């Protein structure tokens, strides 16, 4: 089964995103840290990853860099309440599909996931 991964150190954000994705027909897997996500066995089955920019421990861009090094081509959608224009630009230059500024709407989330899944399909 394919699913959307959520990497966020905020438990309430993980829970609400997971519930929202399930209501939209997506399976979701959640991770409290970048390290937990990278150590998991789910990387081959993920459609995309919703990745918080600022995490405890390894930061979102570091997780994205590790994914590139591992040749893990899961599309990344960054999320953050702290994204200034320069941070957004750098994330997009590093290959992120989208950058969602918290709080974001359901429509923006769905649009970003749809784009990420389309890119994932194109990369296969």
PDB file of N, CA and C in Angstrom:
ATOM      1  N   UNK A   1       0.843  -1.183   0.000  1.00  0.00           N
ATOM      2  CA  UNK A   1       0.000   0.000   0.000  1.00  0.00           C
ATOM      3  C   UNK A   1       0.887   1.245   0.000  1.00  0.00           C
ATOM      4  N   UNK A   2       0.528   2.207  -0.794  1.00  0.00           N
ATOM      5  CA  UNK A   2       1.254   3.479  -0.832  1.00  0.00           C
ATOM      6  C   UNK A   2       0.587   4.480   0.089  1.00  0.00           C
ATOM      7  N   UNK A   3       1.379   5.408   0.600  1.00  0.00           N
ATOM      8  CA  UNK A   3       0.851   6.349   1.576  1.00  0.00           C
ATOM      9  C   UNK A   3       1.652   7.634   1.552  1.00  0.00           C
ATOM     10  N   UNK A   4       1.134   8.616   2.285  1.00  0.00           N
ATOM     11  CA  UNK A   4       1.787   9.904   2.466  1.00  0.00           C
ATOM     12  C   UNK A   4       2.446   9.890   3.847  1.00  0.00           C
ATOM     13  N   UNK A   5       3.721  10.274   3.898  1.00  0.00           N
ATOM     14  CA  UNK A   5       4.434  10.359   5.168  1.00  0.00           C
ATOM     15  C   UNK A   5       4.324  11.778   5.716  1.00  0.00           C
ATOM     16  N   UNK A   6       4.167  11.874   7.018  1.00  0.00           N
ATOM     17  CA  UNK A   6       4.115  13.161   7.713  1.00  0.00           C
ATOM     18  C   UNK A   6       5.246  13.169   8.726  1.00  0.00           C
ATOM     19  N   UNK A   7       6.170  14.123   8.585  1.00  0.00           N
ATOM     20  CA  UNK A   7       7.281  14.246   9.529  1.00  0.00           C
ATOM     21  C   UNK A   7       7.158  15.608  10.196  1.00  0.00           C
ATOM     22  N   UNK A   8       6.753  15.578  11.473  1.00  0.00           N
ATOM     23  CA  UNK A   8       6.551  16.814  12.225  1.00  0.00           C
ATOM     24  C   UNK A   8       6.724  16.487  13.703  1.00  0.00           C
ATOM     25  N   UNK A   9       7.441  17.324  14.431  1.00  0.00           N
ATOM     26  CA  UNK A   9       7.650  17.046  15.859  1.00  0.00           C
ATOM     27  C   UNK A   9       6.474  17.482  16.730  1.00  0.00           C
ATOM     28  N   UNK A  10       5.471  18.075  16.140  1.00  0.00           N
ATOM     29  CA  UNK A  10       4.258  18.484  16.849  1.00  0.00           C
ATOM     30  C   UNK A  10       3.211  17.370  16.724  1.00  0.00           C
ATOM     31  N   UNK A  11       2.944  16.691  17.837  1.00  0.00           N
ATOM     32  CA  UNK A  11       2.021  15.552  17.832  1.00  0.00           C
ATOM     33  C   UNK A  11       0.624  15.936  17.346  1.00  0.00           C
ATOM     34  N   UNK A  12       0.143  17.118  17.718  1.00  0.00           N
ATOM     35  CA  UNK A  12      -1.199  17.527  17.300  1.00  0.00           C
ATOM     36  C   UNK A  12      -1.243  17.772  15.790  1.00  0.00           C
ATOM     37  N   UNK A  13      -0.157  18.295  15.224  1.00  0.00           N
ATOM     38  CA  UNK A  13      -0.098  18.500  13.765  1.00  0.00           C
ATOM     39  C   UNK A  13      -0.080  17.148  13.048  1.00  0.00           C
ATOM     40  N   UNK A  14       0.715  16.210  13.558  1.00  0.00           N
ATOM     41  CA  UNK A  14       0.752  14.874  12.948  1.00  0.00           C
ATOM     42  C   UNK A  14      -0.633  14.240  12.968  1.00  0.00           C
ATOM     43  N   UNK A  15      -1.296  14.339  14.097  1.00  0.00           N
ATOM     44  CA  UNK A  15      -2.614  13.729  14.248  1.00  0.00           C
ATOM     45  C   UNK A  15      -3.647  14.383  13.334  1.00  0.00           C
ATOM     46  N   UNK A  16      -3.678  15.704  13.310  1.00  0.00           N
ATOM     47  CA  UNK A  16      -4.688  16.381  12.485  1.00  0.00           C
ATOM     48  C   UNK A  16      -4.431  16.152  10.994  1.00  0.00           C
ATOM     49  N   UNK A  17      -3.171  16.193  10.573  1.00  0.00           N
ATOM     50  CA  UNK A  17      -2.874  15.926   9.160  1.00  0.00           C
ATOM     51  C   UNK A  17      -3.212  14.486   8.790  1.00  0.00           C
ATOM     52  N   UNK A  18      -2.874  13.555   9.674  1.00  0.00           N
ATOM     53  CA  UNK A  18      -3.175  12.151   9.406  1.00  0.00           C
ATOM     54  C   UNK A  18      -4.682  11.939   9.264  1.00  0.00           C
ATOM     55  N   UNK A  19      -5.453  12.514  10.173  1.00  0.00           N
ATOM     56  CA  UNK A  19      -6.915  12.392  10.101  1.00  0.00           C
ATOM     57  C   UNK A  19      -7.473  13.037   8.832  1.00  0.00           C
ATOM     58  N   UNK A  20      -6.952  14.198   8.486  1.00  0.00           N
ATOM     59  CA  UNK A  20      -7.407  14.869   7.271  1.00  0.00           C
ATOM     60  C   UNK A  20      -7.092  14.024   6.031  1.00  0.00           C
ATOM     61  N   UNK A  21      -5.873  13.515   5.962  1.00  0.00           N
ATOM     62  CA  UNK A  21      -5.499  12.690   4.807  1.00  0.00           C
ATOM     63  C   UNK A  21      -6.379  11.451   4.709  1.00  0.00           C
ATOM     64  N   UNK A  22      -6.648  10.819   5.840  1.00  0.00           N
ATOM     65  CA  UNK A  22      -7.514   9.634   5.833  1.00  0.00           C
ATOM     66  C   UNK A  22      -8.905   9.995   5.330  1.00  0.00           C
ATOM     67  N   UNK A  23      -9.423  11.159   5.742  1.00  0.00           N
ATOM     68  CA  UNK A  23     -10.753  11.571   5.295  1.00  0.00           C
ATOM     69  C   UNK A  23     -10.780  11.848   3.790  1.00  0.00           C
ATOM     70  N   UNK A  24      -9.600  12.141   3.229  1.00  0.00           N
ATOM     71  CA  UNK A  24      -9.489  12.405   1.788  1.00  0.00           C
ATOM     72  C   UNK A  24      -9.151  11.142   0.995  1.00  0.00           C
ATOM     73  N   UNK A  25      -9.028  10.018   1.689  1.00  0.00           N
ATOM     74  CA  UNK A  25      -8.779   8.756   1.014  1.00  0.00           C
ATOM     75  C   UNK A  25      -7.316   8.344   0.917  1.00  0.00           C
ATOM     76  N   UNK A  26      -6.435   9.056   1.604  1.00  0.00           N
ATOM     77  CA  UNK A  26      -5.013   8.699   1.608  1.00  0.00           C
ATOM     78  C   UNK A  26      -4.669   7.938   2.876  1.00  0.00           C
ATOM     79  N   UNK A  27      -3.805   6.960   2.740  1.00  0.00           N
ATOM     80  CA  UNK A  27      -3.215   6.332   3.918  1.00  0.00           C
ATOM     81  C   UNK A  27      -2.064   7.237   4.361  1.00  0.00           C
ATOM     82  N   UNK A  28      -1.820   7.295   5.663  1.00  0.00           N
ATOM     83  CA  UNK A  28      -0.758   8.173   6.178  1.00  0.00           C
ATOM     84  C   UNK A  28       0.102   7.423   7.180  1.00  0.00           C
ATOM     85  N   UNK A  29       1.373   7.762   7.193  1.00  0.00           N
ATOM     86  CA  UNK A  29       2.315   7.282   8.214  1.00  0.00           C
ATOM     87  C   UNK A  29       2.942   8.510   8.840  1.00  0.00           C
ATOM     88  N   UNK A  30       3.054   8.517  10.151  1.00  0.00           N
ATOM     89  CA  UNK A  30       3.578   9.700  10.826  1.00  0.00           C
ATOM     90  C   UNK A  30       4.896   9.388  11.532  1.00  0.00           C
ATOM     91  N   UNK A  31       5.723  10.435  11.617  1.00  0.00           N
ATOM     92  CA  UNK A  31       7.037  10.336  12.247  1.00  0.00           C
ATOM     93  C   UNK A  31       7.293  11.605  13.045  1.00  0.00           C
ATOM     94  N   UNK A  32       7.832  11.438  14.261  1.00  0.00           N
ATOM     95  CA  UNK A  32       8.084  12.571  15.143  1.00  0.00           C
ATOM     96  C   UNK A  32       9.415  13.253  14.874  1.00  0.00           C
ATOM     97  N   UNK A  33      10.269  12.625  14.062  1.00  0.00           N
ATOM     98  CA  UNK A  33      11.578  13.219  13.773  1.00  0.00           C
ATOM     99  C   UNK A  33      12.072  12.781  12.397  1.00  0.00           C
ATOM    100  N   UNK A  34      13.012  13.554  11.887  1.00  0.00           N
ATOM    101  CA  UNK A  34      13.634  13.190  10.624  1.00  0.00           C
ATOM    102  C   UNK A  34      14.409  11.898  10.739  1.00  0.00           C
ATOM    103  N   UNK A  35      15.064  11.715  11.880  1.00  0.00           N
ATOM    104  CA  UNK A  35      15.836  10.496  12.101  1.00  0.00           C
ATOM    105  C   UNK A  35      14.937   9.262  12.076  1.00  0.00           C
ATOM    106  N   UNK A  36      13.778   9.370  12.730  1.00  0.00           N
ATOM    107  CA  UNK A  36      12.818   8.260  12.750  1.00  0.00           C
ATOM    108  C   UNK A  36      12.348   7.941  11.331  1.00  0.00           C
ATOM    109  N   UNK A  37      12.039   8.963  10.568  1.00  0.00           N
ATOM    110  CA  UNK A  37      11.595   8.779   9.191  1.00  0.00           C
ATOM    111  C   UNK A  37      12.672   8.104   8.349  1.00  0.00           C
ATOM    112  N   UNK A  38      13.898   8.608   8.404  1.00  0.00           N
ATOM    113  CA  UNK A  38      14.984   8.056   7.587  1.00  0.00           C
ATOM    114  C   UNK A  38      15.342   6.622   7.975  1.00  0.00           C
ATOM    115  N   UNK A  39      15.141   6.262   9.233  1.00  0.00           N
ATOM    116  CA  UNK A  39      15.455   4.910   9.696  1.00  0.00           C
ATOM    117  C   UNK A  39      14.323   3.917   9.419  1.00  0.00           C
ATOM    118  N   UNK A  40      13.193   4.409   8.970  1.00  0.00           N
ATOM    119  CA  UNK A  40      12.028   3.549   8.769  1.00  0.00           C
ATOM    120  C   UNK A  40      12.191   2.690   7.510  1.00  0.00           C
ATOM    121  N   UNK A  41      11.307   1.728   7.397  1.00  0.00           N
ATOM    122  CA  UNK A  41      11.306   0.838   6.235  1.00  0.00           C
ATOM    123  C   UNK A  41      10.254   1.249   5.213  1.00  0.00           C
ATOM    124  N   UNK A  42       9.712   2.437   5.343  1.00  0.00           N
ATOM    125  CA  UNK A  42       8.584   2.848   4.498  1.00  0.00           C
ATOM    126  C   UNK A  42       8.995   3.649   3.267  1.00  0.00           C
ATOM    127  N   UNK A  43      10.264   3.971   3.146  1.00  0.00           N
ATOM    128  CA  UNK A  43      10.683   4.896   2.093  1.00  0.00           C
ATOM    129  C   UNK A  43      10.342   4.411   0.685  1.00  0.00           C
ATOM    130  N   UNK A  44      10.329   3.108   0.467  1.00  0.00           N
ATOM    131  CA  UNK A  44      10.034   2.585  -0.868  1.00  0.00           C
ATOM    132  C   UNK A  44       8.563   2.671  -1.232  1.00  0.00           C
ATOM    133  N   UNK A  45       7.700   2.810  -0.241  1.00  0.00           N
ATOM    134  CA  UNK A  45       6.257   2.795  -0.501  1.00  0.00           C
ATOM    135  C   UNK A  45       5.581   4.152  -0.380  1.00  0.00           C
ATOM    136  N   UNK A  46       6.333   5.177  -0.053  1.00  0.00           N
ATOM    137  CA  UNK A  46       5.732   6.494   0.164  1.00  0.00           C
ATOM    138  C   UNK A  46       5.475   7.213  -1.160  1.00  0.00           C
ATOM    139  N   UNK A  47       4.318   7.849  -1.252  1.00  0.00           N
ATOM    140  CA  UNK A  47       3.979   8.666  -2.421  1.00  0.00           C
ATOM    141  C   UNK A  47       4.634  10.037  -2.337  1.00  0.00           C
ATOM    142  N   UNK A  48       4.682  10.597  -1.117  1.00  0.00           N
ATOM    143  CA  UNK A  48       5.321  11.879  -0.876  1.00  0.00           C
ATOM    144  C   UNK A  48       5.519  12.033   0.620  1.00  0.00           C
ATOM    145  N   UNK A  49       6.290  13.043   1.005  1.00  0.00           N
ATOM    146  CA  UNK A  49       6.504  13.315   2.419  1.00  0.00           C
ATOM    147  C   UNK A  49       6.185  14.772   2.706  1.00  0.00           C
ATOM    148  N   UNK A  50       5.340  14.977   3.719  1.00  0.00           N
ATOM    149  CA  UNK A  50       5.068  16.311   4.232  1.00  0.00           C
ATOM    150  C   UNK A  50       6.078  16.516   5.353  1.00  0.00           C
ATOM    151  N   UNK A  51       7.031  17.409   5.144  1.00  0.00           N
ATOM    152  CA  UNK A  51       8.198  17.525   6.005  1.00  0.00           C
ATOM    153  C   UNK A  51       8.267  18.910   6.638  1.00  0.00           C
ATOM    154  N   UNK A  52       8.206  18.933   7.965  1.00  0.00           N
ATOM    155  CA  UNK A  52       8.312  20.197   8.676  1.00  0.00           C
ATOM    156  C   UNK A  52       9.728  20.746   8.496  1.00  0.00           C
ATOM    157  N   UNK A  53       9.835  22.026   8.339  1.00  0.00           N
ATOM    158  CA  UNK A  53      11.133  22.667   8.132  1.00  0.00           C
ATOM    159  C   UNK A  53      11.979  22.620   9.401  1.00  0.00           C
ATOM    160  N   UNK A  54      11.368  22.958  10.521  1.00  0.00           N
ATOM    161  CA  UNK A  54      12.094  23.000  11.795  1.00  0.00           C
ATOM    162  C   UNK A  54      11.643  21.849  12.675  1.00  0.00           C
ATOM    163  N   UNK A  55      12.561  20.949  12.922  1.00  0.00           N
ATOM    164  CA  UNK A  55      12.299  19.780  13.739  1.00  0.00           C
ATOM    165  C   UNK A  55      13.284  19.738  14.893  1.00  0.00           C
ATOM    166  N   UNK A  56      12.939  19.010  15.931  1.00  0.00           N
ATOM    167  CA  UNK A  56      13.926  18.747  16.974  1.00  0.00           C
ATOM    168  C   UNK A  56      14.912  17.739  16.397  1.00  0.00           C
ATOM    169  N   UNK A  57      16.187  17.967  16.618  1.00  0.00           N
ATOM    170  CA  UNK A  57      17.194  17.090  16.018  1.00  0.00           C
ATOM    171  C   UNK A  57      17.470  17.519  14.587  1.00  0.00           C
ATOM    172  N   UNK A  58      17.486  16.568  13.684  1.00  0.00           N
ATOM    173  CA  UNK A  58      17.766  16.841  12.276  1.00  0.00           C
ATOM    174  C   UNK A  58      16.675  17.742  11.689  1.00  0.00           C
ATOM    175  N   UNK A  59      17.068  18.833  11.061  1.00  0.00           N
ATOM    176  CA  UNK A  59      16.135  19.782  10.458  1.00  0.00           C
ATOM    177  C   UNK A  59      15.620  19.266   9.104  1.00  0.00           C
ATOM    178  N   UNK A  60      14.479  19.795   8.664  1.00  0.00           N
ATOM    179  CA  UNK A  60      13.869  19.371   7.407  1.00  0.00           C
ATOM    180  C   UNK A  60      14.814  19.367   6.213  1.00  0.00           C
ATOM    181  N   UNK A  61      15.562  20.460   5.956  1.00  0.00           N
ATOM    182  CA  UNK A  61      16.481  20.454   4.812  1.00  0.00           C
ATOM    183  C   UNK A  61      17.566  19.371   4.921  1.00  0.00           C
ATOM    184  N   UNK A  62      17.981  19.056   6.156  1.00  0.00           N
ATOM    185  CA  UNK A  62      18.963  17.988   6.351  1.00  0.00           C
ATOM    186  C   UNK A  62      18.353  16.624   6.012  1.00  0.00           C
ATOM    187  N   UNK A  63      17.094  16.438   6.364  1.00  0.00           N
ATOM    188  CA  UNK A  63      16.387  15.205   6.015  1.00  0.00           C
ATOM    189  C   UNK A  63      16.315  15.081   4.499  1.00  0.00           C
ATOM    190  N   UNK A  64      15.962  16.191   3.832  1.00  0.00           N
ATOM    191  CA  UNK A  64      15.883  16.184   2.371  1.00  0.00           C
ATOM    192  C   UNK A  64      17.247  15.840   1.768  1.00  0.00           C
ATOM    193  N   UNK A  65      18.329  16.391   2.305  1.00  0.00           N
ATOM    194  CA  UNK A  65      19.679  16.093   1.808  1.00  0.00           C
ATOM    195  C   UNK A  65      20.013  14.617   1.982  1.00  0.00           C
ATOM    196  N   UNK A  66      19.652  14.055   3.129  1.00  0.00           N
ATOM    197  CA  UNK A  66      19.899  12.626   3.374  1.00  0.00           C
ATOM    198  C   UNK A  66      19.103  11.768   2.397  1.00  0.00           C
ATOM    199  N   UNK A  67      17.896  12.179   2.079  1.00  0.00           N
ATOM    200  CA  UNK A  67      17.086  11.448   1.107  1.00  0.00           C
ATOM    201  C   UNK A  67      17.783  11.442  -0.250  1.00  0.00           C
ATOM    202  N   UNK A  68      18.324  12.582  -0.653  1.00  0.00           N
ATOM    203  CA  UNK A  68      19.034  12.676  -1.933  1.00  0.00           C
ATOM    204  C   UNK A  68      20.254  11.762  -1.920  1.00  0.00           C
ATOM    205  N   UNK A  69      21.018  11.791  -0.816  1.00  0.00           N
ATOM    206  CA  UNK A  69      22.202  10.938  -0.706  1.00  0.00           C
ATOM    207  C   UNK A  69      21.846   9.463  -0.792  1.00  0.00           C
ATOM    208  N   UNK A  70      20.698   9.080  -0.236  1.00  0.00           N
ATOM    209  CA  UNK A  70      20.251   7.686  -0.263  1.00  0.00           C
ATOM    210  C   UNK A  70      19.562   7.335  -1.582  1.00  0.00           C
ATOM    211  N   UNK A  71      19.520   8.286  -2.496  1.00  0.00           N
ATOM    212  CA  UNK A  71      18.817   8.142  -3.767  1.00  0.00           C
ATOM    213  C   UNK A  71      17.355   7.769  -3.557  1.00  0.00           C
ATOM    214  N   UNK A  72      16.769   8.383  -2.557  1.00  0.00           N
ATOM    215  CA  UNK A  72      15.363   8.221  -2.238  1.00  0.00           C
ATOM    216  C   UNK A  72      14.619   9.366  -2.924  1.00  0.00           C
ATOM    217  N   UNK A  73      13.819   9.039  -3.895  1.00  0.00           N
ATOM    218  CA  UNK A  73      13.211  10.060  -4.753  1.00  0.00           C
ATOM    219  C   UNK A  73      11.760  10.376  -4.398  1.00  0.00           C
ATOM    220  N   UNK A  74      11.441  10.313  -3.118  1.00  0.00           N
ATOM    221  CA  UNK A  74      10.094  10.667  -2.678  1.00  0.00           C
ATOM    222  C   UNK A  74       9.951  12.183  -2.757  1.00  0.00           C
ATOM    223  N   UNK A  75       8.910  12.680  -3.427  1.00  0.00           N
ATOM    224  CA  UNK A  75       8.704  14.129  -3.486  1.00  0.00           C
ATOM    225  C   UNK A  75       8.477  14.718  -2.092  1.00  0.00           C
ATOM    226  N   UNK A  76       9.094  15.869  -1.860  1.00  0.00           N
ATOM    227  CA  UNK A  76       9.025  16.542  -0.565  1.00  0.00           C
ATOM    228  C   UNK A  76       8.143  17.787  -0.665  1.00  0.00           C
ATOM    229  N   UNK A  77       7.213  17.894   0.279  1.00  0.00           N
ATOM    230  CA  UNK A  77       6.422  19.108   0.465  1.00  0.00           C
ATOM    231  C   UNK A  77       6.804  19.634   1.838  1.00  0.00           C
ATOM    232  N   UNK A  78       7.500  20.777   1.879  1.00  0.00           N
ATOM    233  CA  UNK A  78       7.873  21.371   3.153  1.00  0.00           C
ATOM    234  C   UNK A  78       6.686  22.094   3.764  1.00  0.00           C
ATOM    235  N   UNK A  79       6.669  22.123   5.100  1.00  0.00           N
ATOM    236  CA  UNK A  79       5.657  22.863   5.852  1.00  0.00           C
ATOM    237  C   UNK A  79       6.388  23.646   6.930  1.00  0.00           C
ATOM    238  N   UNK A  80       5.944  24.867   7.181  1.00  0.00           N
ATOM    239  CA  UNK A  80       6.539  25.631   8.275  1.00  0.00           C
ATOM    240  C   UNK A  80       5.739  26.884   8.567  1.00  0.00           C
ATOM    241  N   UNK A  81       5.786  27.281   9.827  1.00  0.00           N
ATOM    242  CA  UNK A  81       5.243  28.570  10.224  1.00  0.00           C
ATOM    243  C   UNK A  81       6.337  29.625  10.163  1.00  0.00           C
ATOM    244  N   UNK A  82       7.548  29.213   9.825  1.00  0.00           N
ATOM    245  CA  UNK A  82       8.714  30.098   9.902  1.00  0.00           C
ATOM    246  C   UNK A  82       9.403  30.335   8.565  1.00  0.00           C
ATOM    247  N   UNK A  83       8.776  30.017   7.466  1.00  0.00           N
ATOM    248  CA  UNK A  83       9.438  30.113   6.178  1.00  0.00           C
ATOM    249  C   UNK A  83       9.490  31.514   5.601  1.00  0.00           C
ATOM    250  N   UNK A  84      10.679  32.141   5.640  1.00  0.00           N
ATOM    251  CA  UNK A  84      10.833  33.421   4.960  1.00  0.00           C
ATOM    252  C   UNK A  84      11.101  33.150   3.481  1.00  0.00           C
ATOM    253  N   UNK A  85      11.109  34.190   2.669  1.00  0.00           N
ATOM    254  CA  UNK A  85      11.244  34.026   1.223  1.00  0.00           C
ATOM    255  C   UNK A  85      12.536  33.317   0.834  1.00  0.00           C
ATOM    256  N   UNK A  86      13.638  33.618   1.508  1.00  0.00           N
ATOM    257  CA  UNK A  86      14.918  32.987   1.198  1.00  0.00           C
ATOM    258  C   UNK A  86      14.883  31.492   1.522  1.00  0.00           C
ATOM    259  N   UNK A  87      14.283  31.126   2.631  1.00  0.00           N
ATOM    260  CA  UNK A  87      14.168  29.715   3.024  1.00  0.00           C
ATOM    261  C   UNK A  87      13.318  28.955   2.010  1.00  0.00           C
ATOM    262  N   UNK A  88      12.222  29.552   1.606  1.00  0.00           N
ATOM    263  CA  UNK A  88      11.347  28.932   0.610  1.00  0.00           C
ATOM    264  C   UNK A  88      12.109  28.740  -0.704  1.00  0.00           C
ATOM    265  N   UNK A  89      12.837  29.759  -1.127  1.00  0.00           N
ATOM    266  CA  UNK A  89      13.603  29.683  -2.379  1.00  0.00           C
ATOM    267  C   UNK A  89      14.626  28.550  -2.325  1.00  0.00           C
ATOM    268  N   UNK A  90      15.355  28.448  -1.207  1.00  0.00           N
ATOM    269  CA  UNK A  90      16.371  27.392  -1.076  1.00  0.00           C
ATOM    270  C   UNK A  90      15.731  26.006  -1.083  1.00  0.00           C
ATOM    271  N   UNK A  91      14.611  25.859  -0.400  1.00  0.00           N
ATOM    272  CA  UNK A  91      13.921  24.562  -0.358  1.00  0.00           C
ATOM    273  C   UNK A  91      13.483  24.146  -1.756  1.00  0.00           C
ATOM    274  N   UNK A  92      12.953  25.084  -2.504  1.00  0.00           N
ATOM    275  CA  UNK A  92      12.499  24.777  -3.858  1.00  0.00           C
ATOM    276  C   UNK A  92      13.686  24.463  -4.779  1.00  0.00           C
ATOM    277  N   UNK A  93      14.796  25.171  -4.604  1.00  0.00           N
ATOM    278  CA  UNK A  93      15.991  24.897  -5.410  1.00  0.00           C
ATOM    279  C   UNK A  93      16.550  23.503  -5.130  1.00  0.00           C
ATOM    280  N   UNK A  94      16.337  23.018  -3.915  1.00  0.00           N
ATOM    281  CA  UNK A  94      16.828  21.687  -3.539  1.00  0.00           C
ATOM    282  C   UNK A  94      15.872  20.581  -3.968  1.00  0.00           C
ATOM    283  N   UNK A  95      14.802  20.946  -4.638  1.00  0.00           N
ATOM    284  CA  UNK A  95      13.917  19.938  -5.203  1.00  0.00           C
ATOM    285  C   UNK A  95      12.575  19.750  -4.540  1.00  0.00           C
ATOM    286  N   UNK A  96      12.229  20.582  -3.569  1.00  0.00           N
ATOM    287  CA  UNK A  96      10.911  20.451  -2.954  1.00  0.00           C
ATOM    288  C   UNK A  96       9.825  20.727  -3.993  1.00  0.00           C
ATOM    289  N   UNK A  97       8.726  20.028  -3.884  1.00  0.00           N
ATOM    290  CA  UNK A  97       7.598  20.208  -4.795  1.00  0.00           C
ATOM    291  C   UNK A  97       6.812  21.465  -4.429  1.00  0.00           C
ATOM    292  N   UNK A  98       6.709  21.705  -3.120  1.00  0.00           N
ATOM    293  CA  UNK A  98       5.943  22.849  -2.631  1.00  0.00           C
ATOM    294  C   UNK A  98       6.424  23.220  -1.244  1.00  0.00           C
ATOM    295  N   UNK A  99       6.046  24.423  -0.817  1.00  0.00           N
ATOM    296  CA  UNK A  99       6.344  24.907   0.526  1.00  0.00           C
ATOM    297  C   UNK A  99       5.053  25.484   1.077  1.00  0.00           C
ATOM    298  N   UNK A 100       4.516  24.833   2.098  1.00  0.00           N
ATOM    299  CA  UNK A 100       3.256  25.269   2.694  1.00  0.00           C
ATOM    300  C   UNK A 100       3.531  26.054   3.964  1.00  0.00           C
ATOM    301  N   UNK A 101       3.034  27.277   4.003  1.00  0.00           N
ATOM    302  CA  UNK A 101       3.173  28.095   5.209  1.00  0.00           C
ATOM    303  C   UNK A 101       2.018  27.784   6.150  1.00  0.00           C
ATOM    304  N   UNK A 102       2.361  27.338   7.375  1.00  0.00           N
ATOM    305  CA  UNK A 102       1.348  27.039   8.391  1.00  0.00           C
ATOM    306  C   UNK A 102       0.774  28.334   8.920  1.00  0.00           C
ATOM    307  N   UNK A 103      -0.518  28.405   9.139  1.00  0.00           N
ATOM    308  CA  UNK A 103      -1.506  27.388   8.819  1.00  0.00           C
ATOM    309  C   UNK A 103      -1.870  27.434   7.334  1.00  0.00           C
ATOM    310  N   UNK A 104      -2.139  26.294   6.756  1.00  0.00           N
ATOM    311  CA  UNK A 104      -2.519  26.231   5.352  1.00  0.00           C
ATOM    312  C   UNK A 104      -3.906  25.599   5.250  1.00  0.00           C
ATOM    313  N   UNK A 105      -4.534  25.801   4.112  1.00  0.00           N
ATOM    314  CA  UNK A 105      -5.894  25.289   3.912  1.00  0.00           C
ATOM    315  C   UNK A 105      -5.844  23.858   3.370  1.00  0.00           C
ATOM    316  N   UNK A 106      -6.961  23.186   3.519  1.00  0.00           N
ATOM    317  CA  UNK A 106      -7.096  21.840   2.970  1.00  0.00           C
ATOM    318  C   UNK A 106      -6.867  21.846   1.462  1.00  0.00           C
ATOM    319  N   UNK A 107      -7.395  22.857   0.768  1.00  0.00           N
ATOM    320  CA  UNK A 107      -7.235  22.932  -0.685  1.00  0.00           C
ATOM    321  C   UNK A 107      -5.773  23.037  -1.095  1.00  0.00           C
ATOM    322  N   UNK A 108      -5.004  23.848  -0.384  1.00  0.00           N
ATOM    323  CA  UNK A 108      -3.581  24.006  -0.689  1.00  0.00           C
ATOM    324  C   UNK A 108      -2.841  22.691  -0.428  1.00  0.00           C
ATOM    325  N   UNK A 109      -3.197  22.013   0.653  1.00  0.00           N
ATOM    326  CA  UNK A 109      -2.584  20.732   0.973  1.00  0.00           C
ATOM    327  C   UNK A 109      -2.868  19.704  -0.121  1.00  0.00           C
ATOM    328  N   UNK A 110      -4.124  19.586  -0.503  1.00  0.00           N
ATOM    329  CA  UNK A 110      -4.514  18.620  -1.529  1.00  0.00           C
ATOM    330  C   UNK A 110      -3.813  18.926  -2.854  1.00  0.00           C
ATOM    331  N   UNK A 111      -3.761  20.196  -3.215  1.00  0.00           N
ATOM    332  CA  UNK A 111      -3.089  20.593  -4.455  1.00  0.00           C
ATOM    333  C   UNK A 111      -1.610  20.190  -4.418  1.00  0.00           C
ATOM    334  N   UNK A 112      -0.955  20.405  -3.306  1.00  0.00           N
ATOM    335  CA  UNK A 112       0.470  20.066  -3.178  1.00  0.00           C
ATOM    336  C   UNK A 112       0.696  18.560  -3.223  1.00  0.00           C
ATOM    337  N   UNK A 113      -0.152  17.801  -2.544  1.00  0.00           N
ATOM    338  CA  UNK A 113      -0.021  16.342  -2.556  1.00  0.00           C
ATOM    339  C   UNK A 113      -0.279  15.798  -3.953  1.00  0.00           C
ATOM    340  N   UNK A 114      -1.283  16.330  -4.632  1.00  0.00           N
ATOM    341  CA  UNK A 114      -1.589  15.897  -5.995  1.00  0.00           C
ATOM    342  C   UNK A 114      -0.390  16.138  -6.916  1.00  0.00           C
ATOM    343  N   UNK A 115       0.213  17.314  -6.797  1.00  0.00           N
ATOM    344  CA  UNK A 115       1.398  17.637  -7.591  1.00  0.00           C
ATOM    345  C   UNK A 115       2.549  16.690  -7.252  1.00  0.00           C
ATOM    346  N   UNK A 116       2.757  16.444  -5.969  1.00  0.00           N
ATOM    347  CA  UNK A 116       3.853  15.561  -5.543  1.00  0.00           C
ATOM    348  C   UNK A 116       3.651  14.136  -6.069  1.00  0.00           C
ATOM    349  N   UNK A 117       2.438  13.633  -5.977  1.00  0.00           N
ATOM    350  CA  UNK A 117       2.164  12.270  -6.449  1.00  0.00           C
ATOM    351  C   UNK A 117       2.343  12.187  -7.965  1.00  0.00           C
ATOM    352  N   UNK A 118       1.923  13.228  -8.680  1.00  0.00           N
ATOM    353  CA  UNK A 118       2.135  13.258 -10.130  1.00  0.00           C
ATOM    354  C   UNK A 118       3.623  13.225 -10.460  1.00  0.00           C
ATOM    355  N   UNK A 119       4.423  13.989  -9.728  1.00  0.00           N
ATOM    356  CA  UNK A 119       5.877  13.995  -9.944  1.00  0.00           C
ATOM    357  C   UNK A 119       6.480  12.638  -9.609  1.00  0.00           C
ATOM    358  N   UNK A 120       5.965  12.007  -8.562  1.00  0.00           N
ATOM    359  CA  UNK A 120       6.467  10.694  -8.159  1.00  0.00           C
ATOM    360  C   UNK A 120       6.202   9.677  -9.263  1.00  0.00           C
ATOM    361  N   UNK A 121       5.001   9.752  -9.840  1.00  0.00           N
ATOM    362  CA  UNK A 121       4.662   8.858 -10.933  1.00  0.00           C
ATOM    363  C   UNK A 121       5.525   9.094 -12.161  1.00  0.00           C
ATOM    364  N   UNK A 122       5.840  10.347 -12.442  1.00  0.00           N
ATOM    365  CA  UNK A 122       6.694  10.694 -13.583  1.00  0.00           C
ATOM    366  C   UNK A 122       8.124  10.204 -13.380  1.00  0.00           C
ATOM    367  N   UNK A 123       8.575  10.148 -12.132  1.00  0.00           N
ATOM    368  CA  UNK A 123       9.964   9.770 -11.844  1.00  0.00           C
ATOM    369  C   UNK A 123      10.187   8.269 -11.937  1.00  0.00           C
ATOM    370  N   UNK A 124       9.117   7.498 -11.893  1.00  0.00           N
ATOM    371  CA  UNK A 124       9.262   6.032 -11.937  1.00  0.00           C
ATOM    372  C   UNK A 124       9.493   5.531 -13.332  1.00  0.00           C
TER     373      UNK A 124
END
